[in-house]
Structures are given as structure tokens and as C-alpha cells.
Amino acid sequence: MSKALMVFAKRPMAGRVKTRLTPPLSPGDAAELYRRMLLDILATCARMAGVALLLFYEPGEGNGHFFAETAPGWACRAQEGDDLGARLDSAFRVAFDEGYGEVAVIGTDSPDLPEEYVRLAFELLGRPTVDAVYGPSEDGGYYLLALKRYLPELFRHIPWSTGEVLEQSLARAEAAGVRVELLPVWYDVDTAADLRRPGLAGAGATAPLTAEFVSGLISAHPPDTQPPAGER
């Protein structure tokens, strides 16, 4: 059964991406960080053999050309829909209409997402007792969703961009009789505190372009330290 991995992405433009990081970052630095996160995610996905790669980008003038150059070998398409739920619904419908039997989607906010988590999602989805696989994120959303059939009810009446996204999505799945498995919890890079996570830029970092940029930021702006007890 053919598999497809979809990535939802934006074009890295100042003032349009990673706005929750401005400040402390400048809009230009936030865009550069996002560009590196995007490239790290694309590189991770490209290592997955036997999986078709589909990129759905935010519509905008010149964005199609940008992604055609940035993601050679990917099938790149503009997202369709007025909100995230509608865009996810549309992307899954397109993928299943094209004949894929197992489809997963991720975003670009988790540049060091373990490759094995994506592989595990497809492994779980291959079980006859599983209809959907969610990857919970620490902020109450999800970093991955994998389905073996088109399930539009999972995208309706969800409070997107809140801490209730996963909870409400699981409730919708239960109400619809959709059998769900969960992946390990992971995190998005959304805030200044996220930039200082040890795994993002420390030893063994798996998102090299992101790690290089974050390491430079940390070197330029080291964390505040407490003075010795005798000097307080």
C-alpha cells in the first residue's frame, strides 16, 4: 500500500514566520531561523525510503517557484482553505484521491523531530486496529497526524491555535468511532525558551542547520547567571 508524507510549510519571509519570536529575534533573524528549520525537516523526510513526498505551501505570489527550487523532487502544491482545519482536510482529500493508502502530515515547527517517530506512525497505521495516529506536542496541539482513509470529521469544530487542539481532536475521533494511537510527545520551536532546549543545539543535535543558527544566538546572548552566594 503506497504511503505519502505531507509537509505544511510557509515561505521564510521576514514578518510572516516565527512572529512569536520577534522579539527577541528581529524579523529577519526569525525568517532565517525558519528557513533553516524548513531545510532540516525536508532533509529528514528525504531520507525516508518508500514514501512519496508532498509539500503543501501557504499561497502567495512567487511561493510556488520558491518551493519548486527549495524542494526539488517533491510534489509541491498550494494549500487550499480558510483555516488550518480546512487546509488539512483539503490536503488529505487530495492525497487519498491520488491513490495513496496511508498519509501522514507534519509541519516545520519541530526541526529535530525524530525520524523514527514518523516511521513509527506508518508502522502503527499499518495495524488493522488503527485508523489514525497523532503525535502530541507539549503545547496541547499535535506535530503529526497519520490516516489510512479520508476522515474530514477530524478537522471540524477544532479550536485551532489553542492548547485544546489535541484534546478536542481526540474527542472528535472517539465520537466518530475512529481508532487512535499516540506517538511520544515532542515539542515545537515557538518561543525564546524553546531555543534553549538542550537537544536543539547541544551535543547530538539532529537538525544541523537549525542547531548552527541557535548556537550562534546563544553564544551572542548567553543565559543570565546568578552571582555567587556571597555577592547576593
Protein backbone atom coordinates (compact mmCIF):
# COMPACT_ATOMS: atom_id res chain seq x y z
CA MET A 1 0.00 0.00 0.00
CA SER A 2 1.54 3.32 -1.06
CA LYS A 3 2.48 5.87 1.57
CA ALA A 4 2.68 9.66 1.40
CA LEU A 5 4.24 12.14 3.79
CA MET A 6 2.94 15.69 3.54
CA VAL A 7 4.74 18.75 4.90
CA PHE A 8 2.89 22.01 5.51
CA ALA A 9 5.24 24.95 5.02
CA LYS A 10 5.48 28.69 4.62
CA ARG A 11 7.92 30.73 2.60
CA PRO A 12 10.54 32.16 5.01
CA MET A 13 9.79 35.88 4.75
CA ALA A 14 10.51 38.49 7.41
CA GLY A 15 7.39 39.36 9.36
CA ARG A 16 5.49 36.28 8.12
CA VAL A 17 7.10 33.44 10.06
CA LYS A 18 8.07 32.80 13.70
CA THR A 19 6.39 36.03 14.77
CA ARG A 20 6.17 34.83 18.38
CA LEU A 21 9.97 35.04 18.43
CA THR A 22 10.02 38.73 17.45
CA PRO A 23 11.26 39.94 19.84
CA PRO A 24 13.77 38.76 20.96
CA LEU A 25 14.71 37.99 17.33
CA SER A 26 14.49 40.52 14.54
CA PRO A 27 12.00 39.65 11.77
CA GLY A 28 14.95 38.89 9.51
CA ASP A 29 16.58 36.54 12.00
CA ALA A 30 13.23 34.83 12.63
CA ALA A 31 12.88 34.24 8.88
CA GLU A 32 16.41 32.83 8.69
CA LEU A 33 15.68 30.52 11.62
CA TYR A 34 12.51 29.32 9.88
CA ARG A 35 14.40 28.78 6.61
CA ARG A 36 16.85 26.51 8.40
CA MET A 37 14.08 24.66 10.22
CA LEU A 38 12.35 24.07 6.89
CA LEU A 39 15.51 22.71 5.25
CA ASP A 40 16.23 20.43 8.20
CA ILE A 41 12.72 18.98 8.05
CA LEU A 42 12.95 18.46 4.29
CA ALA A 43 16.26 16.66 4.72
CA THR A 44 14.80 14.35 7.37
CA CYS A 45 11.85 13.48 5.16
CA ALA A 46 14.06 12.87 2.14
CA ARG A 47 15.79 10.03 4.00
CA MET A 48 12.56 8.06 4.22
CA ALA A 49 12.57 5.41 1.51
CA GLY A 50 9.31 4.15 0.06
CA VAL A 51 7.33 7.26 0.95
CA ALA A 52 6.05 9.82 -1.56
CA LEU A 53 6.89 13.40 -0.53
CA LEU A 54 4.21 16.08 -0.88
CA LEU A 55 4.72 19.71 0.13
CA PHE A 56 1.73 21.98 0.69
CA TYR A 57 2.76 25.62 0.90
CA GLU A 58 0.96 28.75 2.00
CA PRO A 59 -0.39 30.50 -1.11
CA GLY A 60 1.27 33.72 -2.24
CA GLU A 61 2.94 35.35 -5.21
CA GLY A 62 6.18 33.59 -6.07
CA ASN A 63 5.73 30.88 -3.45
CA GLY A 64 5.26 28.11 -5.98
CA HIS A 65 8.55 28.98 -7.70
CA PHE A 66 10.33 29.25 -4.34
CA PHE A 67 9.28 25.80 -3.21
CA ALA A 68 9.94 24.21 -6.59
CA GLU A 69 13.56 25.34 -6.17
CA THR A 70 13.79 24.64 -2.45
CA ALA A 71 12.26 21.15 -2.54
CA PRO A 72 13.35 19.53 -5.82
CA GLY A 73 11.82 16.11 -6.28
CA TRP A 74 8.82 16.95 -4.11
CA ALA A 75 5.28 17.35 -5.41
CA CYS A 76 4.57 20.95 -4.38
CA ARG A 77 1.04 22.34 -4.17
CA ALA A 78 -0.62 25.41 -2.70
CA GLN A 79 -2.74 24.90 0.39
CA GLU A 80 -6.47 25.41 -0.01
CA GLY A 81 -8.86 26.55 2.71
CA ASP A 82 -9.64 29.44 5.01
CA ASP A 83 -8.22 27.97 8.22
CA LEU A 84 -5.87 25.19 9.26
CA GLY A 85 -8.67 22.65 9.55
CA ALA A 86 -9.87 23.32 6.02
CA ARG A 87 -6.32 23.20 4.67
CA LEU A 88 -5.61 19.86 6.37
CA ASP A 89 -8.91 18.49 5.16
CA SER A 90 -8.13 19.53 1.59
CA ALA A 91 -4.59 18.12 1.64
CA PHE A 92 -5.68 14.72 2.95
CA ARG A 93 -8.51 14.59 0.42
CA VAL A 94 -6.07 15.33 -2.41
CA ALA A 95 -3.60 12.68 -1.26
CA PHE A 96 -6.23 9.98 -0.90
CA ASP A 97 -7.81 10.95 -4.24
CA GLU A 98 -4.40 10.41 -5.82
CA GLY A 99 -4.42 6.83 -4.61
CA TYR A 100 -2.22 6.86 -1.53
CA GLY A 101 -3.31 4.38 1.10
CA GLU A 102 -1.51 5.77 4.16
CA VAL A 103 -0.94 9.51 4.55
CA ALA A 104 0.83 11.49 7.27
CA VAL A 105 1.28 15.23 7.70
CA ILE A 106 3.83 17.22 9.70
CA GLY A 107 4.72 20.90 9.89
CA THR A 108 8.01 22.74 10.14
CA ASP A 109 7.95 23.82 13.79
CA SER A 110 9.78 20.70 15.03
CA PRO A 111 13.06 20.73 13.07
CA ASP A 112 14.62 17.95 15.16
CA LEU A 113 11.57 15.69 15.11
CA PRO A 114 13.00 12.16 15.36
CA GLU A 115 12.80 10.35 12.06
CA GLU A 116 11.84 7.19 13.92
CA TYR A 117 8.64 8.86 15.14
CA VAL A 118 7.50 9.34 11.55
CA ARG A 119 8.39 5.75 10.73
CA LEU A 120 6.54 4.58 13.83
CA ALA A 121 3.44 6.47 12.70
CA PHE A 122 3.33 4.47 9.47
CA GLU A 123 4.07 1.25 11.36
CA LEU A 124 1.15 1.86 13.72
CA LEU A 125 -1.10 2.87 10.86
CA GLY A 126 -0.41 -0.46 9.20
CA ARG A 127 -2.13 -2.29 12.03
CA PRO A 128 -5.74 -3.35 11.30
CA THR A 129 -6.92 -1.94 14.64
CA VAL A 130 -5.62 1.61 14.00
CA ASP A 131 -7.34 4.28 11.88
CA ALA A 132 -5.36 7.36 12.92
CA VAL A 133 -2.08 8.22 14.63
CA TYR A 134 -1.45 11.51 16.45
CA GLY A 135 1.88 12.91 17.58
CA PRO A 136 1.11 15.04 20.67
CA SER A 137 3.06 18.26 21.13
CA GLU A 138 3.80 19.78 24.52
CA ASP A 139 1.64 22.83 23.83
CA GLY A 140 -1.56 20.81 23.51
CA GLY A 141 -1.54 20.51 19.74
CA TYR A 142 -0.09 17.78 17.54
CA TYR A 143 3.05 17.64 15.42
CA LEU A 144 1.88 14.73 13.22
CA LEU A 145 -1.32 13.16 12.05
CA ALA A 146 -1.45 9.97 10.00
CA LEU A 147 -4.58 8.45 8.46
CA LYS A 148 -5.38 5.38 6.38
CA ARG A 149 -8.57 6.89 4.95
CA TYR A 150 -10.10 10.33 4.46
CA LEU A 151 -11.69 11.43 7.75
CA PRO A 152 -12.93 15.02 7.36
CA GLU A 153 -14.71 14.94 10.73
CA LEU A 154 -11.32 15.16 12.46
CA PHE A 155 -10.88 18.74 11.23
CA ARG A 156 -14.27 20.19 12.11
CA HIS A 157 -15.03 22.35 15.14
CA ILE A 158 -11.44 22.26 16.40
CA PRO A 159 -10.16 25.37 18.29
CA TRP A 160 -7.01 25.80 16.20
CA SER A 161 -4.04 27.67 17.71
CA THR A 162 -5.11 26.83 21.27
CA GLY A 163 -3.95 24.34 23.86
CA GLU A 164 -7.09 22.26 23.29
CA VAL A 165 -6.37 21.13 19.73
CA LEU A 166 -5.31 17.57 20.56
CA GLU A 167 -7.92 17.09 23.28
CA GLN A 168 -10.74 18.19 21.00
CA SER A 169 -9.36 16.22 18.05
CA LEU A 170 -9.28 13.04 20.12
CA ALA A 171 -12.84 13.72 21.28
CA ARG A 172 -13.96 14.10 17.67
CA ALA A 173 -12.20 10.85 16.78
CA GLU A 174 -13.85 8.97 19.63
CA ALA A 175 -17.28 10.31 18.70
CA ALA A 176 -16.75 9.15 15.11
CA GLY A 177 -15.52 5.69 16.12
CA VAL A 178 -12.01 6.40 14.83
CA ARG A 179 -9.43 4.14 16.50
CA VAL A 180 -6.38 6.18 17.55
CA GLU A 181 -2.80 5.51 18.62
CA LEU A 182 -0.46 8.15 20.05
CA LEU A 183 3.21 8.73 19.37
CA PRO A 184 5.64 10.03 22.03
CA VAL A 185 5.28 13.68 22.97
CA TRP A 186 7.55 16.17 21.17
CA TYR A 187 7.80 19.96 21.05
CA ASP A 188 7.50 22.89 18.67
CA VAL A 189 10.05 25.71 18.46
CA ASP A 190 7.82 28.71 19.08
CA THR A 191 9.30 30.75 21.94
CA ALA A 192 12.65 32.06 23.15
CA ALA A 193 12.65 29.35 25.85
CA ASP A 194 12.36 26.69 23.13
CA LEU A 195 15.59 27.93 21.56
CA ARG A 196 17.45 26.95 24.71
CA ARG A 197 16.28 23.34 24.78
CA PRO A 198 19.42 21.20 25.25
CA GLY A 199 18.64 18.86 22.37
CA LEU A 200 18.06 21.58 19.80
CA ALA A 201 21.62 22.86 19.55
CA GLY A 202 23.59 20.77 22.04
CA ALA A 203 25.65 17.64 21.58
CA GLY A 204 23.96 15.19 19.25
CA ALA A 205 21.60 17.78 17.71
CA THR A 206 19.84 16.25 14.72
CA ALA A 207 18.77 19.45 12.93
CA PRO A 208 22.20 20.76 11.88
CA LEU A 209 21.21 23.99 10.13
CA THR A 210 18.89 24.98 12.97
CA ALA A 211 21.48 23.99 15.58
CA GLU A 212 24.16 26.12 13.92
CA PHE A 213 21.93 29.19 13.95
CA VAL A 214 20.65 28.65 17.51
CA SER A 215 24.18 28.04 18.80
CA GLY A 216 25.22 31.38 17.36
CA LEU A 217 22.31 33.10 19.07
CA ILE A 218 23.11 31.52 22.41
CA SER A 219 26.79 32.42 22.11
CA ALA A 220 25.88 36.02 21.42
CA HIS A 221 23.30 36.14 24.22
CA PRO A 222 24.29 33.68 26.97
CA PRO A 223 21.72 32.89 29.67
CA ASP A 224 21.69 35.08 32.76
CA THR A 225 23.67 33.59 35.62
CA GLN A 226 23.17 34.05 39.31
CA PRO A 227 26.09 35.70 41.18
CA PRO A 228 27.87 33.64 43.84
CA ALA A 229 26.00 33.44 47.13
CA GLY A 230 28.44 35.75 48.90
CA GLU A 231 27.79 38.52 46.37
CA ARG A 232 23.97 38.49 46.55
